[in-house]
Amino acid sequence: MNRPLNLKPGYFYNELLTAMTGKVIGEGTLYGVYDAYIVHPPKADQSESYIKAHE
């Protein structure tokens, strides 16, 4: 953007598109890799050494 969009919190998508008109100076594409590995928080009774070993 070449200027601020001046949108108020809670704006709608169509308001964003309208505010962007004439202000876009470039665009790009972001690629990423998704990993489904889930880290569960430790249980309250697990010792600190167990937690450090599994970080």
PDB file of N, CA and C in Angstrom:
ATOM      1  N   MET A   1       0.840  -1.169   0.000  1.00  0.00           N
ATOM      2  CA  MET A   1       0.000   0.000   0.000  1.00  0.00           C
ATOM      3  C   MET A   1       0.889   1.237   0.000  1.00  0.00           C
ATOM      4  N   ASN A   2       0.456   2.210  -0.713  1.00  0.00           N
ATOM      5  CA  ASN A   2       1.227   3.453  -0.745  1.00  0.00           C
ATOM      6  C   ASN A   2       0.698   4.491   0.246  1.00  0.00           C
ATOM      7  N   ARG A   3      -0.441   4.181   0.868  1.00  0.00           N
ATOM      8  CA  ARG A   3      -1.032   5.061   1.883  1.00  0.00           C
ATOM      9  C   ARG A   3      -1.778   4.205   2.898  1.00  0.00           C
ATOM     10  N   PRO A   4      -1.987   4.729   4.112  1.00  0.00           N
ATOM     11  CA  PRO A   4      -2.784   3.985   5.101  1.00  0.00           C
ATOM     12  C   PRO A   4      -4.215   3.790   4.605  1.00  0.00           C
ATOM     13  N   LEU A   5      -4.844   2.707   5.037  1.00  0.00           N
ATOM     14  CA  LEU A   5      -6.211   2.428   4.605  1.00  0.00           C
ATOM     15  C   LEU A   5      -7.262   3.078   5.496  1.00  0.00           C
ATOM     16  N   ASN A   6      -6.901   3.457   6.697  1.00  0.00           N
ATOM     17  CA  ASN A   6      -7.815   4.148   7.622  1.00  0.00           C
ATOM     18  C   ASN A   6      -9.127   3.393   7.847  1.00  0.00           C
ATOM     19  N   LEU A   7      -9.025   2.104   8.097  1.00  0.00           N
ATOM     20  CA  LEU A   7     -10.211   1.299   8.401  1.00  0.00           C
ATOM     21  C   LEU A   7     -10.389   1.188   9.909  1.00  0.00           C
ATOM     22  N   LYS A   8     -11.608   1.167  10.344  1.00  0.00           N
ATOM     23  CA  LYS A   8     -11.910   1.026  11.770  1.00  0.00           C
ATOM     24  C   LYS A   8     -11.955  -0.462  12.131  1.00  0.00           C
ATOM     25  N   PRO A   9     -11.610  -0.814  13.380  1.00  0.00           N
ATOM     26  CA  PRO A   9     -11.684  -2.221  13.794  1.00  0.00           C
ATOM     27  C   PRO A   9     -13.073  -2.807  13.523  1.00  0.00           C
ATOM     28  N   GLY A  10     -13.087  -4.047  13.032  1.00  0.00           N
ATOM     29  CA  GLY A  10     -14.350  -4.704  12.734  1.00  0.00           C
ATOM     30  C   GLY A  10     -14.851  -4.468  11.317  1.00  0.00           C
ATOM     31  N   TYR A  11     -13.985  -3.939  10.453  1.00  0.00           N
ATOM     32  CA  TYR A  11     -14.403  -3.665   9.076  1.00  0.00           C
ATOM     33  C   TYR A  11     -14.739  -4.959   8.334  1.00  0.00           C
ATOM     34  N   PHE A  12     -15.513  -4.830   7.284  1.00  0.00           N
ATOM     35  CA  PHE A  12     -15.909  -5.959   6.456  1.00  0.00           C
ATOM     36  C   PHE A  12     -14.941  -6.103   5.284  1.00  0.00           C
ATOM     37  N   TYR A  13     -14.911  -7.305   4.705  1.00  0.00           N
ATOM     38  CA  TYR A  13     -14.008  -7.612   3.599  1.00  0.00           C
ATOM     39  C   TYR A  13     -14.226  -6.668   2.415  1.00  0.00           C
ATOM     40  N   ASN A  14     -15.482  -6.391   2.092  1.00  0.00           N
ATOM     41  CA  ASN A  14     -15.748  -5.492   0.961  1.00  0.00           C
ATOM     42  C   ASN A  14     -15.233  -4.074   1.248  1.00  0.00           C
ATOM     43  N   GLU A  15     -15.236  -3.664   2.510  1.00  0.00           N
ATOM     44  CA  GLU A  15     -14.684  -2.354   2.870  1.00  0.00           C
ATOM     45  C   GLU A  15     -13.169  -2.335   2.672  1.00  0.00           C
ATOM     46  N   LEU A  16     -12.523  -3.458   2.991  1.00  0.00           N
ATOM     47  CA  LEU A  16     -11.082  -3.572   2.781  1.00  0.00           C
ATOM     48  C   LEU A  16     -10.755  -3.448   1.295  1.00  0.00           C
ATOM     49  N   LEU A  17     -11.476  -4.188   0.469  1.00  0.00           N
ATOM     50  CA  LEU A  17     -11.213  -4.136  -0.976  1.00  0.00           C
ATOM     51  C   LEU A  17     -11.428  -2.740  -1.535  1.00  0.00           C
ATOM     52  N   THR A  18     -12.464  -2.079  -1.089  1.00  0.00           N
ATOM     53  CA  THR A  18     -12.741  -0.719  -1.549  1.00  0.00           C
ATOM     54  C   THR A  18     -11.634   0.239  -1.110  1.00  0.00           C
ATOM     55  N   ALA A  19     -11.186   0.098   0.144  1.00  0.00           N
ATOM     56  CA  ALA A  19     -10.136   0.971   0.666  1.00  0.00           C
ATOM     57  C   ALA A  19      -8.801   0.743  -0.051  1.00  0.00           C
ATOM     58  N   MET A  20      -8.569  -0.467  -0.529  1.00  0.00           N
ATOM     59  CA  MET A  20      -7.317  -0.801  -1.214  1.00  0.00           C
ATOM     60  C   MET A  20      -7.265  -0.285  -2.646  1.00  0.00           C
ATOM     61  N   THR A  21      -8.397   0.020  -3.233  1.00  0.00           N
ATOM     62  CA  THR A  21      -8.455   0.448  -4.631  1.00  0.00           C
ATOM     63  C   THR A  21      -7.559   1.668  -4.865  1.00  0.00           C
ATOM     64  N   GLY A  22      -6.632   1.510  -5.818  1.00  0.00           N
ATOM     65  CA  GLY A  22      -5.735   2.608  -6.169  1.00  0.00           C
ATOM     66  C   GLY A  22      -4.548   2.782  -5.248  1.00  0.00           C
ATOM     67  N   LYS A  23      -4.410   1.931  -4.230  1.00  0.00           N
ATOM     68  CA  LYS A  23      -3.316   2.084  -3.270  1.00  0.00           C
ATOM     69  C   LYS A  23      -2.312   0.930  -3.297  1.00  0.00           C
ATOM     70  N   VAL A  24      -2.600  -0.118  -4.036  1.00  0.00           N
ATOM     71  CA  VAL A  24      -1.721  -1.292  -4.093  1.00  0.00           C
ATOM     72  C   VAL A  24      -0.536  -0.980  -4.994  1.00  0.00           C
ATOM     73  N   ILE A  25       0.685  -1.150  -4.464  1.00  0.00           N
ATOM     74  CA  ILE A  25       1.880  -0.875  -5.271  1.00  0.00           C
ATOM     75  C   ILE A  25       2.662  -2.151  -5.582  1.00  0.00           C
ATOM     76  N   GLY A  26       2.242  -3.281  -5.071  1.00  0.00           N
ATOM     77  CA  GLY A  26       2.915  -4.546  -5.356  1.00  0.00           C
ATOM     78  C   GLY A  26       2.128  -5.695  -4.764  1.00  0.00           C
ATOM     79  N   GLU A  27       2.474  -6.888  -5.191  1.00  0.00           N
ATOM     80  CA  GLU A  27       1.819  -8.062  -4.649  1.00  0.00           C
ATOM     81  C   GLU A  27       2.785  -9.231  -4.707  1.00  0.00           C
ATOM     82  N   GLY A  28       2.497 -10.281  -3.959  1.00  0.00           N
ATOM     83  CA  GLY A  28       3.354 -11.447  -3.929  1.00  0.00           C
ATOM     84  C   GLY A  28       2.559 -12.664  -3.504  1.00  0.00           C
ATOM     85  N   THR A  29       3.250 -13.775  -3.453  1.00  0.00           N
ATOM     86  CA  THR A  29       2.637 -15.028  -3.044  1.00  0.00           C
ATOM     87  C   THR A  29       3.470 -15.632  -1.930  1.00  0.00           C
ATOM     88  N   LEU A  30       2.806 -16.100  -0.914  1.00  0.00           N
ATOM     89  CA  LEU A  30       3.473 -16.738   0.214  1.00  0.00           C
ATOM     90  C   LEU A  30       3.189 -18.230   0.160  1.00  0.00           C
ATOM     91  N   TYR A  31       4.241 -19.032   0.163  1.00  0.00           N
ATOM     92  CA  TYR A  31       4.103 -20.484   0.185  1.00  0.00           C
ATOM     93  C   TYR A  31       4.575 -20.982   1.535  1.00  0.00           C
ATOM     94  N   GLY A  32       3.920 -22.004   2.044  1.00  0.00           N
ATOM     95  CA  GLY A  32       4.318 -22.570   3.323  1.00  0.00           C
ATOM     96  C   GLY A  32       4.057 -24.059   3.344  1.00  0.00           C
ATOM     97  N   VAL A  33       4.571 -24.695   4.391  1.00  0.00           N
ATOM     98  CA  VAL A  33       4.384 -26.126   4.584  1.00  0.00           C
ATOM     99  C   VAL A  33       3.655 -26.318   5.898  1.00  0.00           C
ATOM    100  N   TYR A  34       2.604 -27.092   5.854  1.00  0.00           N
ATOM    101  CA  TYR A  34       1.814 -27.364   7.039  1.00  0.00           C
ATOM    102  C   TYR A  34       2.243 -28.702   7.617  1.00  0.00           C
ATOM    103  N   ASP A  35       2.446 -28.737   8.913  1.00  0.00           N
ATOM    104  CA  ASP A  35       2.802 -29.979   9.597  1.00  0.00           C
ATOM    105  C   ASP A  35       1.743 -30.256  10.637  1.00  0.00           C
ATOM    106  N   ALA A  36       1.196 -31.439  10.620  1.00  0.00           N
ATOM    107  CA  ALA A  36       0.109 -31.794  11.534  1.00  0.00           C
ATOM    108  C   ALA A  36       0.615 -32.265  12.887  1.00  0.00           C
ATOM    109  N   TYR A  37       1.914 -32.146  13.161  1.00  0.00           N
ATOM    110  CA  TYR A  37       2.462 -32.565  14.445  1.00  0.00           C
ATOM    111  C   TYR A  37       1.875 -31.693  15.548  1.00  0.00           C
ATOM    112  N   ILE A  38       1.297 -32.303  16.545  1.00  0.00           N
ATOM    113  CA  ILE A  38       0.641 -31.572  17.631  1.00  0.00           C
ATOM    114  C   ILE A  38       1.451 -31.742  18.905  1.00  0.00           C
ATOM    115  N   VAL A  39       1.757 -30.650  19.558  1.00  0.00           N
ATOM    116  CA  VAL A  39       2.467 -30.690  20.829  1.00  0.00           C
ATOM    117  C   VAL A  39       1.451 -30.479  21.936  1.00  0.00           C
ATOM    118  N   HIS A  40       1.342 -31.454  22.808  1.00  0.00           N
ATOM    119  CA  HIS A  40       0.410 -31.352  23.924  1.00  0.00           C
ATOM    120  C   HIS A  40       1.129 -30.772  25.134  1.00  0.00           C
ATOM    121  N   PRO A  41       0.477 -29.924  25.891  1.00  0.00           N
ATOM    122  CA  PRO A  41       1.114 -29.372  27.100  1.00  0.00           C
ATOM    123  C   PRO A  41       1.348 -30.484  28.110  1.00  0.00           C
ATOM    124  N   PRO A  42       2.400 -30.359  28.917  1.00  0.00           N
ATOM    125  CA  PRO A  42       2.691 -31.406  29.909  1.00  0.00           C
ATOM    126  C   PRO A  42       1.614 -31.456  30.988  1.00  0.00           C
ATOM    127  N   LYS A  43       1.455 -32.624  31.572  1.00  0.00           N
ATOM    128  CA  LYS A  43       0.517 -32.774  32.685  1.00  0.00           C
ATOM    129  C   LYS A  43       1.141 -32.180  33.934  1.00  0.00           C
ATOM    130  N   ALA A  44       0.312 -31.781  34.853  1.00  0.00           N
ATOM    131  CA  ALA A  44       0.775 -31.103  36.059  1.00  0.00           C
ATOM    132  C   ALA A  44       1.724 -31.968  36.885  1.00  0.00           C
ATOM    133  N   ASP A  45       1.595 -33.288  36.823  1.00  0.00           N
ATOM    134  CA  ASP A  45       2.419 -34.157  37.661  1.00  0.00           C
ATOM    135  C   ASP A  45       3.736 -34.570  37.000  1.00  0.00           C
ATOM    136  N   GLN A  46       4.038 -34.089  35.798  1.00  0.00           N
ATOM    137  CA  GLN A  46       5.287 -34.458  35.136  1.00  0.00           C
ATOM    138  C   GLN A  46       6.422 -33.601  35.672  1.00  0.00           C
ATOM    139  N   SER A  47       7.553 -34.249  35.894  1.00  0.00           N
ATOM    140  CA  SER A  47       8.696 -33.540  36.460  1.00  0.00           C
ATOM    141  C   SER A  47       9.326 -32.612  35.426  1.00  0.00           C
ATOM    142  N   GLU A  48      10.103 -31.651  35.906  1.00  0.00           N
ATOM    143  CA  GLU A  48      10.769 -30.696  35.025  1.00  0.00           C
ATOM    144  C   GLU A  48      11.752 -31.402  34.100  1.00  0.00           C
ATOM    145  N   SER A  49      12.431 -32.451  34.580  1.00  0.00           N
ATOM    146  CA  SER A  49      13.394 -33.169  33.739  1.00  0.00           C
ATOM    147  C   SER A  49      12.682 -33.877  32.587  1.00  0.00           C
ATOM    148  N   TYR A  50      11.496 -34.418  32.833  1.00  0.00           N
ATOM    149  CA  TYR A  50      10.724 -35.081  31.773  1.00  0.00           C
ATOM    150  C   TYR A  50      10.318 -34.064  30.719  1.00  0.00           C
ATOM    151  N   ILE A  51       9.882 -32.905  31.175  1.00  0.00           N
ATOM    152  CA  ILE A  51       9.442 -31.861  30.255  1.00  0.00           C
ATOM    153  C   ILE A  51      10.614 -31.400  29.384  1.00  0.00           C
ATOM    154  N   LYS A  52      11.789 -31.168  29.992  1.00  0.00           N
ATOM    155  CA  LYS A  52      12.970 -30.725  29.222  1.00  0.00           C
ATOM    156  C   LYS A  52      13.394 -31.780  28.214  1.00  0.00           C
ATOM    157  N   ALA A  53      13.275 -33.044  28.559  1.00  0.00           N
ATOM    158  CA  ALA A  53      13.693 -34.116  27.659  1.00  0.00           C
ATOM    159  C   ALA A  53      12.768 -34.215  26.448  1.00  0.00           C
ATOM    160  N   HIS A  54      11.568 -33.711  26.541  1.00  0.00           N
ATOM    161  CA  HIS A  54      10.602 -33.837  25.452  1.00  0.00           C
ATOM    162  C   HIS A  54      10.290 -32.525  24.748  1.00  0.00           C
ATOM    163  N   GLU A  55      11.118 -31.531  24.945  1.00  0.00           N
ATOM    164  CA  GLU A  55      10.913 -30.247  24.259  1.00  0.00           C
ATOM    165  C   GLU A  55      11.408 -30.324  22.844  1.00  0.00           C
TER     166      GLU A  55
END
